[in-house]
């Protein structure tokens, strides 16, 4: 296909694409559900560090912690608290406490209720080393929290207080924190792998300057996931994600328009198919886009919410060679 013409392999008829016009008030999606709002990550916080968890904790949320353990570290702790008072001390639903200074380094998990510690749970191996970087992922389920360290399962801890009471995160002790992230579980990961894959957040990295592109040397194959995380700028206009082949044709484009608050797949011939879902991009708000390649198309998730799919022939997906991001965003993570 010539540039600007119809690319081969898109299995969507013209009749299935809506005209390129703003939605009427009756067509606009329902207001944004609070459960899909993601708070921005925090970079290089000073420890001790205490922050509110927007919307509190619930099953399906994740908290990522990346940083480094100092060479002279004795211990640090990550507390998921029920409030942030000083006197009386707040209940701590989950106390995660690695200790390096003992003869046998270990991790303690516990719960503080009415200013009294409960019976502690101890794990004899540490999974963390002095002088080493780490990426810890706290995954909150219905009845227990699971923890992975650098992509490997580390421990699980059953709740002793209702998770719904947790609204504060506290980090204390001997730890250098690079970033703290708050995410929702990917709808593509549930039931297939124990943990979502953790990717580090980067701040002001030259490789993430917009417009930003990533090579796809082998195209896209079923099961491959593209991960994009970032912050919307204060006065945004649009965000465009495009997939290009070797001839610079653009058979797949996803665009968020802030003028009419629409999210749409753009056809190679210029028409667009609106995605009927809450518009989850907001100025100065964090976002996470996931694109899952499946046989014959791409599935989309935004802030942990599945938003359907678009049909693309597998032959076209295999010929894609570049993923490109442009628009009113600051990027923190791009993984293909």
C-alpha atoms as a PDB file:
ATOM      1  CA  UNK A   1       0.000   0.000   0.000  1.00  0.00           C
ATOM      2  CA  UNK A   2       1.242   3.474  -0.746  1.00  0.00           C
ATOM      3  CA  UNK A   3       1.712   5.912   2.094  1.00  0.00           C
ATOM      4  CA  UNK A   4      -1.621   7.456   3.045  1.00  0.00           C
ATOM      5  CA  UNK A   5      -3.552   4.660   1.342  1.00  0.00           C
ATOM      6  CA  UNK A   6      -5.281   1.715   2.922  1.00  0.00           C
ATOM      7  CA  UNK A   7      -2.816  -0.707   4.489  1.00  0.00           C
ATOM      8  CA  UNK A   8      -3.500  -4.377   3.753  1.00  0.00           C
ATOM      9  CA  UNK A   9      -4.728  -6.678   6.442  1.00  0.00           C
ATOM     10  CA  UNK A  10      -7.007  -4.428   8.537  1.00  0.00           C
ATOM     11  CA  UNK A  11     -10.157  -6.491   9.000  1.00  0.00           C
ATOM     12  CA  UNK A  12     -12.500  -3.609   9.828  1.00  0.00           C
ATOM     13  CA  UNK A  13     -14.985  -2.425   7.226  1.00  0.00           C
ATOM     14  CA  UNK A  14     -15.589   1.280   6.605  1.00  0.00           C
ATOM     15  CA  UNK A  15     -19.113   0.878   7.934  1.00  0.00           C
ATOM     16  CA  UNK A  16     -17.760  -0.077  11.343  1.00  0.00           C
ATOM     17  CA  UNK A  17     -15.877   3.208  11.709  1.00  0.00           C
ATOM     18  CA  UNK A  18     -17.760   6.194  13.081  1.00  0.00           C
ATOM     19  CA  UNK A  19     -17.400   9.626  11.468  1.00  0.00           C
ATOM     20  CA  UNK A  20     -14.674  11.866  12.846  1.00  0.00           C
ATOM     21  CA  UNK A  21     -17.013  14.070  14.884  1.00  0.00           C
ATOM     22  CA  UNK A  22     -17.230  14.807  18.617  1.00  0.00           C
ATOM     23  CA  UNK A  23     -19.696  12.804  20.674  1.00  0.00           C
ATOM     24  CA  UNK A  24     -22.951  14.375  21.688  1.00  0.00           C
ATOM     25  CA  UNK A  25     -23.636  14.703  25.435  1.00  0.00           C
ATOM     26  CA  UNK A  26     -25.903  11.665  25.212  1.00  0.00           C
ATOM     27  CA  UNK A  27     -23.083   9.603  23.706  1.00  0.00           C
ATOM     28  CA  UNK A  28     -20.407  10.612  26.206  1.00  0.00           C
ATOM     29  CA  UNK A  29     -19.340   7.855  28.641  1.00  0.00           C
ATOM     30  CA  UNK A  30     -20.240   7.905  32.286  1.00  0.00           C
ATOM     31  CA  UNK A  31     -18.021   9.994  34.604  1.00  0.00           C
ATOM     32  CA  UNK A  32     -14.640   8.552  35.439  1.00  0.00           C
ATOM     33  CA  UNK A  33     -14.893   5.856  38.121  1.00  0.00           C
ATOM     34  CA  UNK A  34     -12.580   6.637  41.028  1.00  0.00           C
ATOM     35  CA  UNK A  35     -11.281   3.073  41.041  1.00  0.00           C
ATOM     36  CA  UNK A  36      -9.403   3.702  37.780  1.00  0.00           C
ATOM     37  CA  UNK A  37      -7.698   6.944  38.821  1.00  0.00           C
ATOM     38  CA  UNK A  38      -3.979   6.341  39.325  1.00  0.00           C
ATOM     39  CA  UNK A  39      -1.894   8.683  41.418  1.00  0.00           C
ATOM     40  CA  UNK A  40       1.461   9.798  40.008  1.00  0.00           C
ATOM     41  CA  UNK A  41       4.598   7.948  41.054  1.00  0.00           C
ATOM     42  CA  UNK A  42       6.906   9.593  43.583  1.00  0.00           C
ATOM     43  CA  UNK A  43      10.586   9.978  42.690  1.00  0.00           C
ATOM     44  CA  UNK A  44      13.477  10.175  45.169  1.00  0.00           C
ATOM     45  CA  UNK A  45      11.401  10.765  48.325  1.00  0.00           C
ATOM     46  CA  UNK A  46      13.255  11.618  51.522  1.00  0.00           C
ATOM     47  CA  UNK A  47      13.021   8.824  54.099  1.00  0.00           C
ATOM     48  CA  UNK A  48      11.219   8.697  56.480  1.00  0.00           C
ATOM     49  CA  UNK A  49       8.419   9.174  53.950  1.00  0.00           C
ATOM     50  CA  UNK A  50       4.665   9.061  54.552  1.00  0.00           C
ATOM     51  CA  UNK A  51       2.019   9.599  51.853  1.00  0.00           C
ATOM     52  CA  UNK A  52      -1.697   9.117  51.317  1.00  0.00           C
ATOM     53  CA  UNK A  53      -2.751   6.265  49.035  1.00  0.00           C
ATOM     54  CA  UNK A  54      -5.392   7.826  46.766  1.00  0.00           C
ATOM     55  CA  UNK A  55      -8.617   5.847  47.075  1.00  0.00           C
ATOM     56  CA  UNK A  56      -7.074   3.549  49.708  1.00  0.00           C
ATOM     57  CA  UNK A  57      -6.094  -0.057  49.115  1.00  0.00           C
ATOM     58  CA  UNK A  58      -8.329  -2.726  47.622  1.00  0.00           C
ATOM     59  CA  UNK A  59      -7.903  -6.085  45.959  1.00  0.00           C
ATOM     60  CA  UNK A  60      -6.362  -5.554  42.540  1.00  0.00           C
ATOM     61  CA  UNK A  61      -4.023  -2.716  43.460  1.00  0.00           C
ATOM     62  CA  UNK A  62      -0.234  -2.879  43.282  1.00  0.00           C
ATOM     63  CA  UNK A  63       2.474  -0.771  44.878  1.00  0.00           C
ATOM     64  CA  UNK A  64       5.988  -0.859  43.429  1.00  0.00           C
ATOM     65  CA  UNK A  65       9.075   0.243  45.331  1.00  0.00           C
ATOM     66  CA  UNK A  66      12.421   0.602  43.581  1.00  0.00           C
ATOM     67  CA  UNK A  67      15.680   1.705  45.096  1.00  0.00           C
ATOM     68  CA  UNK A  68      18.884   0.486  46.711  1.00  0.00           C
ATOM     69  CA  UNK A  69      19.940  -0.941  50.065  1.00  0.00           C
ATOM     70  CA  UNK A  70      22.892   1.023  51.541  1.00  0.00           C
ATOM     71  CA  UNK A  71      26.062  -0.912  52.291  1.00  0.00           C
ATOM     72  CA  UNK A  72      25.711  -0.188  56.013  1.00  0.00           C
ATOM     73  CA  UNK A  73      21.960  -0.843  56.203  1.00  0.00           C
ATOM     74  CA  UNK A  74      20.619  -2.369  59.401  1.00  0.00           C
ATOM     75  CA  UNK A  75      16.887  -2.474  58.661  1.00  0.00           C
ATOM     76  CA  UNK A  76      14.047  -0.695  56.904  1.00  0.00           C
ATOM     77  CA  UNK A  77      10.287  -1.035  56.916  1.00  0.00           C
ATOM     78  CA  UNK A  78       7.337  -0.434  54.611  1.00  0.00           C
ATOM     79  CA  UNK A  79       4.080   0.117  56.497  1.00  0.00           C
ATOM     80  CA  UNK A  80       0.568   0.103  55.029  1.00  0.00           C
ATOM     81  CA  UNK A  81      -1.190   2.150  57.685  1.00  0.00           C
ATOM     82  CA  UNK A  82      -4.760   2.940  58.734  1.00  0.00           C
ATOM     83  CA  UNK A  83      -4.270   6.701  58.959  1.00  0.00           C
ATOM     84  CA  UNK A  84      -1.235   8.840  59.743  1.00  0.00           C
ATOM     85  CA  UNK A  85      -1.687  10.064  63.306  1.00  0.00           C
ATOM     86  CA  UNK A  86       1.290  10.263  65.660  1.00  0.00           C
ATOM     87  CA  UNK A  87      -0.517   9.948  69.003  1.00  0.00           C
ATOM     88  CA  UNK A  88      -2.098   7.484  69.225  1.00  0.00           C
ATOM     89  CA  UNK A  89      -0.044   5.496  66.782  1.00  0.00           C
ATOM     90  CA  UNK A  90      -2.190   4.345  63.838  1.00  0.00           C
ATOM     91  CA  UNK A  91      -3.003   0.716  63.217  1.00  0.00           C
ATOM     92  CA  UNK A  92      -0.631  -0.865  60.715  1.00  0.00           C
ATOM     93  CA  UNK A  93      -2.379  -3.506  58.625  1.00  0.00           C
ATOM     94  CA  UNK A  94       0.857  -4.695  56.990  1.00  0.00           C
ATOM     95  CA  UNK A  95       4.369  -4.142  58.356  1.00  0.00           C
ATOM     96  CA  UNK A  96       7.125  -5.341  55.964  1.00  0.00           C
ATOM     97  CA  UNK A  97      10.487  -5.242  57.742  1.00  0.00           C
ATOM     98  CA  UNK A  98      13.764  -6.570  56.231  1.00  0.00           C
ATOM     99  CA  UNK A  99      16.590  -6.838  58.794  1.00  0.00           C
ATOM    100  CA  UNK A 100      20.227  -7.016  57.693  1.00  0.00           C
ATOM    101  CA  UNK A 101      22.152  -6.583  60.946  1.00  0.00           C
ATOM    102  CA  UNK A 102      21.426  -9.968  62.553  1.00  0.00           C
ATOM    103  CA  UNK A 103      23.517 -13.106  62.253  1.00  0.00           C
ATOM    104  CA  UNK A 104      20.967 -14.485  59.820  1.00  0.00           C
ATOM    105  CA  UNK A 105      19.275 -11.669  57.833  1.00  0.00           C
ATOM    106  CA  UNK A 106      15.519 -12.138  57.597  1.00  0.00           C
ATOM    107  CA  UNK A 107      12.184 -10.407  56.989  1.00  0.00           C
ATOM    108  CA  UNK A 108       9.421  -9.795  59.520  1.00  0.00           C
ATOM    109  CA  UNK A 109       5.779  -9.136  58.650  1.00  0.00           C
ATOM    110  CA  UNK A 110       3.315  -8.131  61.338  1.00  0.00           C
ATOM    111  CA  UNK A 111       0.195  -6.124  62.202  1.00  0.00           C
ATOM    112  CA  UNK A 112      -0.121  -3.352  64.801  1.00  0.00           C
ATOM    113  CA  UNK A 113      -3.603  -3.178  66.314  1.00  0.00           C
ATOM    114  CA  UNK A 114      -4.542  -0.700  69.057  1.00  0.00           C
ATOM    115  CA  UNK A 115      -0.812   0.068  69.539  1.00  0.00           C
ATOM    116  CA  UNK A 116       0.039  -3.596  70.157  1.00  0.00           C
ATOM    117  CA  UNK A 117       2.001  -5.808  67.795  1.00  0.00           C
ATOM    118  CA  UNK A 118       0.453  -9.158  66.964  1.00  0.00           C
ATOM    119  CA  UNK A 119       2.341 -12.443  66.510  1.00  0.00           C
ATOM    120  CA  UNK A 120       5.092 -11.830  63.984  1.00  0.00           C
ATOM    121  CA  UNK A 121       5.625 -13.874  60.826  1.00  0.00           C
ATOM    122  CA  UNK A 122       9.279 -14.468  59.909  1.00  0.00           C
ATOM    123  CA  UNK A 123      10.970 -15.458  56.655  1.00  0.00           C
ATOM    124  CA  UNK A 124      14.548 -16.723  57.134  1.00  0.00           C
ATOM    125  CA  UNK A 125      15.839 -15.705  53.712  1.00  0.00           C
ATOM    126  CA  UNK A 126      16.076 -12.049  52.786  1.00  0.00           C
ATOM    127  CA  UNK A 127      15.978 -11.756  49.004  1.00  0.00           C
ATOM    128  CA  UNK A 128      17.655  -8.336  49.325  1.00  0.00           C
ATOM    129  CA  UNK A 129      21.349  -7.527  49.608  1.00  0.00           C
ATOM    130  CA  UNK A 130      23.311  -4.598  50.987  1.00  0.00           C
ATOM    131  CA  UNK A 131      24.648  -2.419  48.189  1.00  0.00           C
ATOM    132  CA  UNK A 132      22.226  -3.869  45.618  1.00  0.00           C
ATOM    133  CA  UNK A 133      19.346  -2.308  43.717  1.00  0.00           C
ATOM    134  CA  UNK A 134      15.873  -3.811  43.948  1.00  0.00           C
ATOM    135  CA  UNK A 135      12.340  -3.656  42.583  1.00  0.00           C
ATOM    136  CA  UNK A 136       9.725  -4.803  45.112  1.00  0.00           C
ATOM    137  CA  UNK A 137       6.129  -5.350  44.045  1.00  0.00           C
ATOM    138  CA  UNK A 138       3.332  -5.528  46.628  1.00  0.00           C
ATOM    139  CA  UNK A 139       0.280  -7.204  45.083  1.00  0.00           C
ATOM    140  CA  UNK A 140      -2.965  -6.984  47.055  1.00  0.00           C
ATOM    141  CA  UNK A 141      -5.486  -9.808  46.686  1.00  0.00           C
ATOM    142  CA  UNK A 142      -8.793 -10.522  48.386  1.00  0.00           C
ATOM    143  CA  UNK A 143      -7.325 -12.220  51.461  1.00  0.00           C
ATOM    144  CA  UNK A 144      -3.563 -11.737  51.355  1.00  0.00           C
ATOM    145  CA  UNK A 145      -0.691  -9.635  50.083  1.00  0.00           C
ATOM    146  CA  UNK A 146       1.947 -11.192  47.847  1.00  0.00           C
ATOM    147  CA  UNK A 147       5.434  -9.744  47.509  1.00  0.00           C
ATOM    148  CA  UNK A 148       7.915 -10.241  44.689  1.00  0.00           C
ATOM    149  CA  UNK A 149      11.514  -9.029  44.696  1.00  0.00           C
ATOM    150  CA  UNK A 150      13.220  -8.456  41.345  1.00  0.00           C
ATOM    151  CA  UNK A 151      10.551 -10.516  39.610  1.00  0.00           C
ATOM    152  CA  UNK A 152      10.740 -13.521  41.955  1.00  0.00           C
ATOM    153  CA  UNK A 153       8.094 -14.569  44.485  1.00  0.00           C
ATOM    154  CA  UNK A 154       9.253 -13.725  47.993  1.00  0.00           C
ATOM    155  CA  UNK A 155       6.405 -14.069  50.501  1.00  0.00           C
ATOM    156  CA  UNK A 156       2.681 -13.802  51.099  1.00  0.00           C
ATOM    157  CA  UNK A 157       0.982 -12.403  54.175  1.00  0.00           C
ATOM    158  CA  UNK A 158      -2.639 -12.916  55.138  1.00  0.00           C
ATOM    159  CA  UNK A 159      -4.567  -9.817  56.224  1.00  0.00           C
ATOM    160  CA  UNK A 160      -5.382  -9.420  59.913  1.00  0.00           C
ATOM    161  CA  UNK A 161      -7.147  -6.072  59.488  1.00  0.00           C
ATOM    162  CA  UNK A 162      -9.518  -5.133  56.643  1.00  0.00           C
ATOM    163  CA  UNK A 163      -7.619  -3.947  53.600  1.00  0.00           C
ATOM    164  CA  UNK A 164     -10.246  -1.239  53.106  1.00  0.00           C
ATOM    165  CA  UNK A 165      -8.937   0.572  56.210  1.00  0.00           C
ATOM    166  CA  UNK A 166      -5.510   1.190  54.658  1.00  0.00           C
ATOM    167  CA  UNK A 167      -5.061   4.712  53.288  1.00  0.00           C
ATOM    168  CA  UNK A 168      -1.421   5.595  54.088  1.00  0.00           C
ATOM    169  CA  UNK A 169       2.009   4.339  53.033  1.00  0.00           C
ATOM    170  CA  UNK A 170       5.014   4.821  55.313  1.00  0.00           C
ATOM    171  CA  UNK A 171       8.659   4.062  54.471  1.00  0.00           C
ATOM    172  CA  UNK A 172      11.268   4.210  57.243  1.00  0.00           C
ATOM    173  CA  UNK A 173      14.828   3.134  57.981  1.00  0.00           C
ATOM    174  CA  UNK A 174      17.961   2.402  55.974  1.00  0.00           C
ATOM    175  CA  UNK A 175      16.806   2.554  52.363  1.00  0.00           C
ATOM    176  CA  UNK A 176      17.448   4.747  49.324  1.00  0.00           C
ATOM    177  CA  UNK A 177      14.184   5.063  47.385  1.00  0.00           C
ATOM    178  CA  UNK A 178      14.253   5.941  43.701  1.00  0.00           C
ATOM    179  CA  UNK A 179      10.536   5.615  42.932  1.00  0.00           C
ATOM    180  CA  UNK A 180       7.216   4.546  44.428  1.00  0.00           C
ATOM    181  CA  UNK A 181       4.451   3.592  41.990  1.00  0.00           C
ATOM    182  CA  UNK A 182       0.723   2.892  42.397  1.00  0.00           C
ATOM    183  CA  UNK A 183      -0.884   0.670  39.763  1.00  0.00           C
ATOM    184  CA  UNK A 184      -3.858  -1.559  39.021  1.00  0.00           C
ATOM    185  CA  UNK A 185      -3.540  -5.188  38.005  1.00  0.00           C
ATOM    186  CA  UNK A 186      -3.450  -5.700  34.250  1.00  0.00           C
ATOM    187  CA  UNK A 187      -6.642  -7.423  33.057  1.00  0.00           C
ATOM    188  CA  UNK A 188      -4.432  -9.448  30.686  1.00  0.00           C
ATOM    189  CA  UNK A 189      -2.328 -10.923  33.504  1.00  0.00           C
ATOM    190  CA  UNK A 190      -5.060 -12.304  35.749  1.00  0.00           C
ATOM    191  CA  UNK A 191      -5.106 -16.084  35.872  1.00  0.00           C
ATOM    192  CA  UNK A 192      -2.063 -16.489  33.606  1.00  0.00           C
ATOM    193  CA  UNK A 193       0.937 -15.499  35.742  1.00  0.00           C
ATOM    194  CA  UNK A 194       1.376 -15.094  39.478  1.00  0.00           C
ATOM    195  CA  UNK A 195       2.803 -11.595  39.281  1.00  0.00           C
ATOM    196  CA  UNK A 196       2.576  -8.831  36.707  1.00  0.00           C
ATOM    197  CA  UNK A 197       6.010  -8.048  35.312  1.00  0.00           C
ATOM    198  CA  UNK A 198       7.526  -5.065  37.099  1.00  0.00           C
ATOM    199  CA  UNK A 199       9.254  -2.430  34.976  1.00  0.00           C
ATOM    200  CA  UNK A 200      11.273   0.371  36.617  1.00  0.00           C
ATOM    201  CA  UNK A 201      10.085   3.979  36.505  1.00  0.00           C
ATOM    202  CA  UNK A 202      12.568   6.499  35.102  1.00  0.00           C
ATOM    203  CA  UNK A 203      12.563  10.244  35.637  1.00  0.00           C
ATOM    204  CA  UNK A 204      13.812  12.625  32.912  1.00  0.00           C
ATOM    205  CA  UNK A 205      15.570   9.882  30.987  1.00  0.00           C
ATOM    206  CA  UNK A 206      16.858  11.021  27.531  1.00  0.00           C
ATOM    207  CA  UNK A 207      15.554   7.749  26.092  1.00  0.00           C
ATOM    208  CA  UNK A 208      12.013   8.722  27.110  1.00  0.00           C
ATOM    209  CA  UNK A 209      11.898  12.190  25.560  1.00  0.00           C
ATOM    210  CA  UNK A 210       8.741  12.748  23.474  1.00  0.00           C
ATOM    211  CA  UNK A 211       8.357  11.992  20.616  1.00  0.00           C
ATOM    212  CA  UNK A 212       9.699   8.605  21.670  1.00  0.00           C
ATOM    213  CA  UNK A 213      10.125   5.469  19.589  1.00  0.00           C
ATOM    214  CA  UNK A 214      11.026   1.862  20.248  1.00  0.00           C
ATOM    215  CA  UNK A 215      12.218  -0.644  17.652  1.00  0.00           C
ATOM    216  CA  UNK A 216      10.277  -3.841  17.050  1.00  0.00           C
ATOM    217  CA  UNK A 217      12.942  -5.914  15.276  1.00  0.00           C
ATOM    218  CA  UNK A 218      10.724  -9.001  15.063  1.00  0.00           C
ATOM    219  CA  UNK A 219       7.340  -7.322  14.789  1.00  0.00           C
ATOM    220  CA  UNK A 220       4.518  -8.233  17.148  1.00  0.00           C
ATOM    221  CA  UNK A 221       3.562 -11.782  18.086  1.00  0.00           C
ATOM    222  CA  UNK A 222       0.676 -13.258  20.103  1.00  0.00           C
ATOM    223  CA  UNK A 223       1.298 -12.794  23.819  1.00  0.00           C
ATOM    224  CA  UNK A 224       3.602  -9.796  23.448  1.00  0.00           C
ATOM    225  CA  UNK A 225       2.674  -6.800  25.624  1.00  0.00           C
ATOM    226  CA  UNK A 226       3.596  -3.153  25.111  1.00  0.00           C
ATOM    227  CA  UNK A 227       3.699  -1.167  28.367  1.00  0.00           C
ATOM    228  CA  UNK A 228       3.526   2.636  28.455  1.00  0.00           C
ATOM    229  CA  UNK A 229       3.460   4.690  31.673  1.00  0.00           C
ATOM    230  CA  UNK A 230       3.619   8.433  32.076  1.00  0.00           C
ATOM    231  CA  UNK A 231       2.104  11.717  33.188  1.00  0.00           C
ATOM    232  CA  UNK A 232      -0.249  13.943  31.174  1.00  0.00           C
ATOM    233  CA  UNK A 233       1.067  17.515  30.807  1.00  0.00           C
ATOM    234  CA  UNK A 234      -0.803  20.468  32.404  1.00  0.00           C
ATOM    235  CA  UNK A 235      -2.397  21.742  29.143  1.00  0.00           C
ATOM    236  CA  UNK A 236      -2.694  18.655  26.933  1.00  0.00           C
ATOM    237  CA  UNK A 237      -3.869  18.544  23.316  1.00  0.00           C
ATOM    238  CA  UNK A 238      -3.562  14.911  22.292  1.00  0.00           C
ATOM    239  CA  UNK A 239      -1.619  11.685  22.742  1.00  0.00           C
ATOM    240  CA  UNK A 240      -0.863   9.437  19.777  1.00  0.00           C
ATOM    241  CA  UNK A 241       0.471   5.887  19.808  1.00  0.00           C
ATOM    242  CA  UNK A 242       1.385   4.511  16.401  1.00  0.00           C
ATOM    243  CA  UNK A 243       2.803   1.271  15.067  1.00  0.00           C
ATOM    244  CA  UNK A 244       4.769   1.509  11.797  1.00  0.00           C
ATOM    245  CA  UNK A 245       6.186  -0.945   9.285  1.00  0.00           C
ATOM    246  CA  UNK A 246       9.544  -0.765   7.478  1.00  0.00           C
ATOM    247  CA  UNK A 247       8.075   1.491   4.762  1.00  0.00           C
ATOM    248  CA  UNK A 248       6.913   3.996   7.440  1.00  0.00           C
ATOM    249  CA  UNK A 249       3.270   3.087   6.814  1.00  0.00           C
ATOM    250  CA  UNK A 250       1.082   3.421   9.922  1.00  0.00           C
ATOM    251  CA  UNK A 251      -1.482   0.603   9.875  1.00  0.00           C
ATOM    252  CA  UNK A 252      -2.289   0.936  13.606  1.00  0.00           C
ATOM    253  CA  UNK A 253      -2.865   4.225  15.478  1.00  0.00           C
ATOM    254  CA  UNK A 254      -4.433   4.952  18.853  1.00  0.00           C
ATOM    255  CA  UNK A 255      -5.208   8.594  19.662  1.00  0.00           C
ATOM    256  CA  UNK A 256      -6.529  10.380  22.744  1.00  0.00           C
ATOM    257  CA  UNK A 257      -7.968  13.817  21.986  1.00  0.00           C
ATOM    258  CA  UNK A 258      -8.449  16.264  24.843  1.00  0.00           C
ATOM    259  CA  UNK A 259     -10.490  18.701  22.719  1.00  0.00           C
ATOM    260  CA  UNK A 260     -13.490  16.369  22.591  1.00  0.00           C
ATOM    261  CA  UNK A 261     -12.289  13.901  25.254  1.00  0.00           C
ATOM    262  CA  UNK A 262     -12.335  10.866  22.978  1.00  0.00           C
ATOM    263  CA  UNK A 263     -10.138   7.805  22.624  1.00  0.00           C
ATOM    264  CA  UNK A 264     -10.123   6.222  19.178  1.00  0.00           C
ATOM    265  CA  UNK A 265      -8.433   3.804  16.815  1.00  0.00           C
ATOM    266  CA  UNK A 266      -7.504   5.715  13.647  1.00  0.00           C
ATOM    267  CA  UNK A 267      -7.876   3.868  10.334  1.00  0.00           C
ATOM    268  CA  UNK A 268      -5.112   4.194   7.719  1.00  0.00           C
ATOM    269  CA  UNK A 269      -7.553   6.071   5.458  1.00  0.00           C
ATOM    270  CA  UNK A 270      -8.249   8.689   8.113  1.00  0.00           C
ATOM    271  CA  UNK A 271     -11.523   7.617   9.711  1.00  0.00           C
ATOM    272  CA  UNK A 272     -11.688   6.788  13.376  1.00  0.00           C
ATOM    273  CA  UNK A 273     -13.483   4.268  15.550  1.00  0.00           C
ATOM    274  CA  UNK A 274     -14.351   5.738  18.923  1.00  0.00           C
ATOM    275  CA  UNK A 275     -13.742   3.593  22.000  1.00  0.00           C
ATOM    276  CA  UNK A 276     -16.843   3.691  24.174  1.00  0.00           C
ATOM    277  CA  UNK A 277     -15.317   3.928  27.641  1.00  0.00           C
ATOM    278  CA  UNK A 278     -14.578   6.565  30.296  1.00  0.00           C
ATOM    279  CA  UNK A 279     -11.844   8.945  29.141  1.00  0.00           C
ATOM    280  CA  UNK A 280      -9.081   8.138  31.608  1.00  0.00           C
ATOM    281  CA  UNK A 281      -6.551  10.816  30.611  1.00  0.00           C
ATOM    282  CA  UNK A 282      -6.483  13.886  32.857  1.00  0.00           C
ATOM    283  CA  UNK A 283      -4.019  16.811  33.109  1.00  0.00           C
ATOM    284  CA  UNK A 284      -1.244  16.156  35.639  1.00  0.00           C
ATOM    285  CA  UNK A 285      -2.537  12.601  36.130  1.00  0.00           C
ATOM    286  CA  UNK A 286      -0.568   9.402  35.798  1.00  0.00           C
ATOM    287  CA  UNK A 287      -1.669   6.804  33.229  1.00  0.00           C
ATOM    288  CA  UNK A 288      -0.754   3.295  32.153  1.00  0.00           C
ATOM    289  CA  UNK A 289      -1.481   1.923  28.675  1.00  0.00           C
ATOM    290  CA  UNK A 290      -1.126  -1.778  27.887  1.00  0.00           C
ATOM    291  CA  UNK A 291      -1.386  -3.213  24.363  1.00  0.00           C
ATOM    292  CA  UNK A 292      -1.601  -6.994  24.170  1.00  0.00           C
ATOM    293  CA  UNK A 293      -0.918  -8.636  20.812  1.00  0.00           C
ATOM    294  CA  UNK A 294      -3.199 -11.576  20.196  1.00  0.00           C
ATOM    295  CA  UNK A 295      -3.908 -13.711  17.143  1.00  0.00           C
ATOM    296  CA  UNK A 296      -5.444 -11.288  14.674  1.00  0.00           C
ATOM    297  CA  UNK A 297      -5.398  -8.058  16.646  1.00  0.00           C
ATOM    298  CA  UNK A 298      -4.518  -5.885  19.623  1.00  0.00           C
ATOM    299  CA  UNK A 299      -6.271  -5.641  22.998  1.00  0.00           C
ATOM    300  CA  UNK A 300      -6.153  -2.376  24.921  1.00  0.00           C
ATOM    301  CA  UNK A 301      -6.142  -1.681  28.659  1.00  0.00           C
ATOM    302  CA  UNK A 302      -5.902   1.738  30.314  1.00  0.00           C
ATOM    303  CA  UNK A 303      -5.199   2.091  34.052  1.00  0.00           C
ATOM    304  CA  UNK A 304      -6.002  -1.580  34.534  1.00  0.00           C
ATOM    305  CA  UNK A 305      -9.347  -1.445  32.698  1.00  0.00           C
ATOM    306  CA  UNK A 306      -9.792  -3.523  29.545  1.00  0.00           C
ATOM    307  CA  UNK A 307     -11.152  -1.373  26.698  1.00  0.00           C
ATOM    308  CA  UNK A 308     -11.677  -3.944  23.958  1.00  0.00           C
ATOM    309  CA  UNK A 309      -9.672  -4.759  20.846  1.00  0.00           C
ATOM    310  CA  UNK A 310      -9.062  -3.827  17.234  1.00  0.00           C
ATOM    311  CA  UNK A 311      -8.643  -6.402  14.453  1.00  0.00           C
ATOM    312  CA  UNK A 312      -5.364  -6.534  12.527  1.00  0.00           C
ATOM    313  CA  UNK A 313      -4.122  -9.407  10.371  1.00  0.00           C
ATOM    314  CA  UNK A 314      -1.264 -11.352  11.935  1.00  0.00           C
ATOM    315  CA  UNK A 315       0.774 -10.749   8.780  1.00  0.00           C
ATOM    316  CA  UNK A 316       0.537  -7.000   9.370  1.00  0.00           C
ATOM    317  CA  UNK A 317       1.476  -7.353  13.056  1.00  0.00           C
ATOM    318  CA  UNK A 318       4.588  -9.342  12.127  1.00  0.00           C
ATOM    319  CA  UNK A 319       5.688  -6.599   9.709  1.00  0.00           C
ATOM    320  CA  UNK A 320       5.574  -3.799  12.287  1.00  0.00           C
ATOM    321  CA  UNK A 321       9.003  -2.428  13.146  1.00  0.00           C
ATOM    322  CA  UNK A 322       8.460   0.693  15.287  1.00  0.00           C
ATOM    323  CA  UNK A 323       6.297   1.811  18.213  1.00  0.00           C
ATOM    324  CA  UNK A 324       6.084   5.594  18.442  1.00  0.00           C
ATOM    325  CA  UNK A 325       4.617   7.894  21.126  1.00  0.00           C
ATOM    326  CA  UNK A 326       3.942  11.593  20.610  1.00  0.00           C
ATOM    327  CA  UNK A 327       1.827  14.277  22.224  1.00  0.00           C
ATOM    328  CA  UNK A 328       1.250  15.973  25.565  1.00  0.00           C
ATOM    329  CA  UNK A 329       2.871  13.473  27.929  1.00  0.00           C
ATOM    330  CA  UNK A 330       5.960  12.937  30.053  1.00  0.00           C
ATOM    331  CA  UNK A 331       7.034   9.306  29.907  1.00  0.00           C
ATOM    332  CA  UNK A 332       8.294   7.206  32.817  1.00  0.00           C
ATOM    333  CA  UNK A 333       8.360   3.727  31.275  1.00  0.00           C
ATOM    334  CA  UNK A 334       8.153   2.254  27.748  1.00  0.00           C
ATOM    335  CA  UNK A 335       8.599  -1.468  27.261  1.00  0.00           C
ATOM    336  CA  UNK A 336       8.021  -3.501  24.107  1.00  0.00           C
END
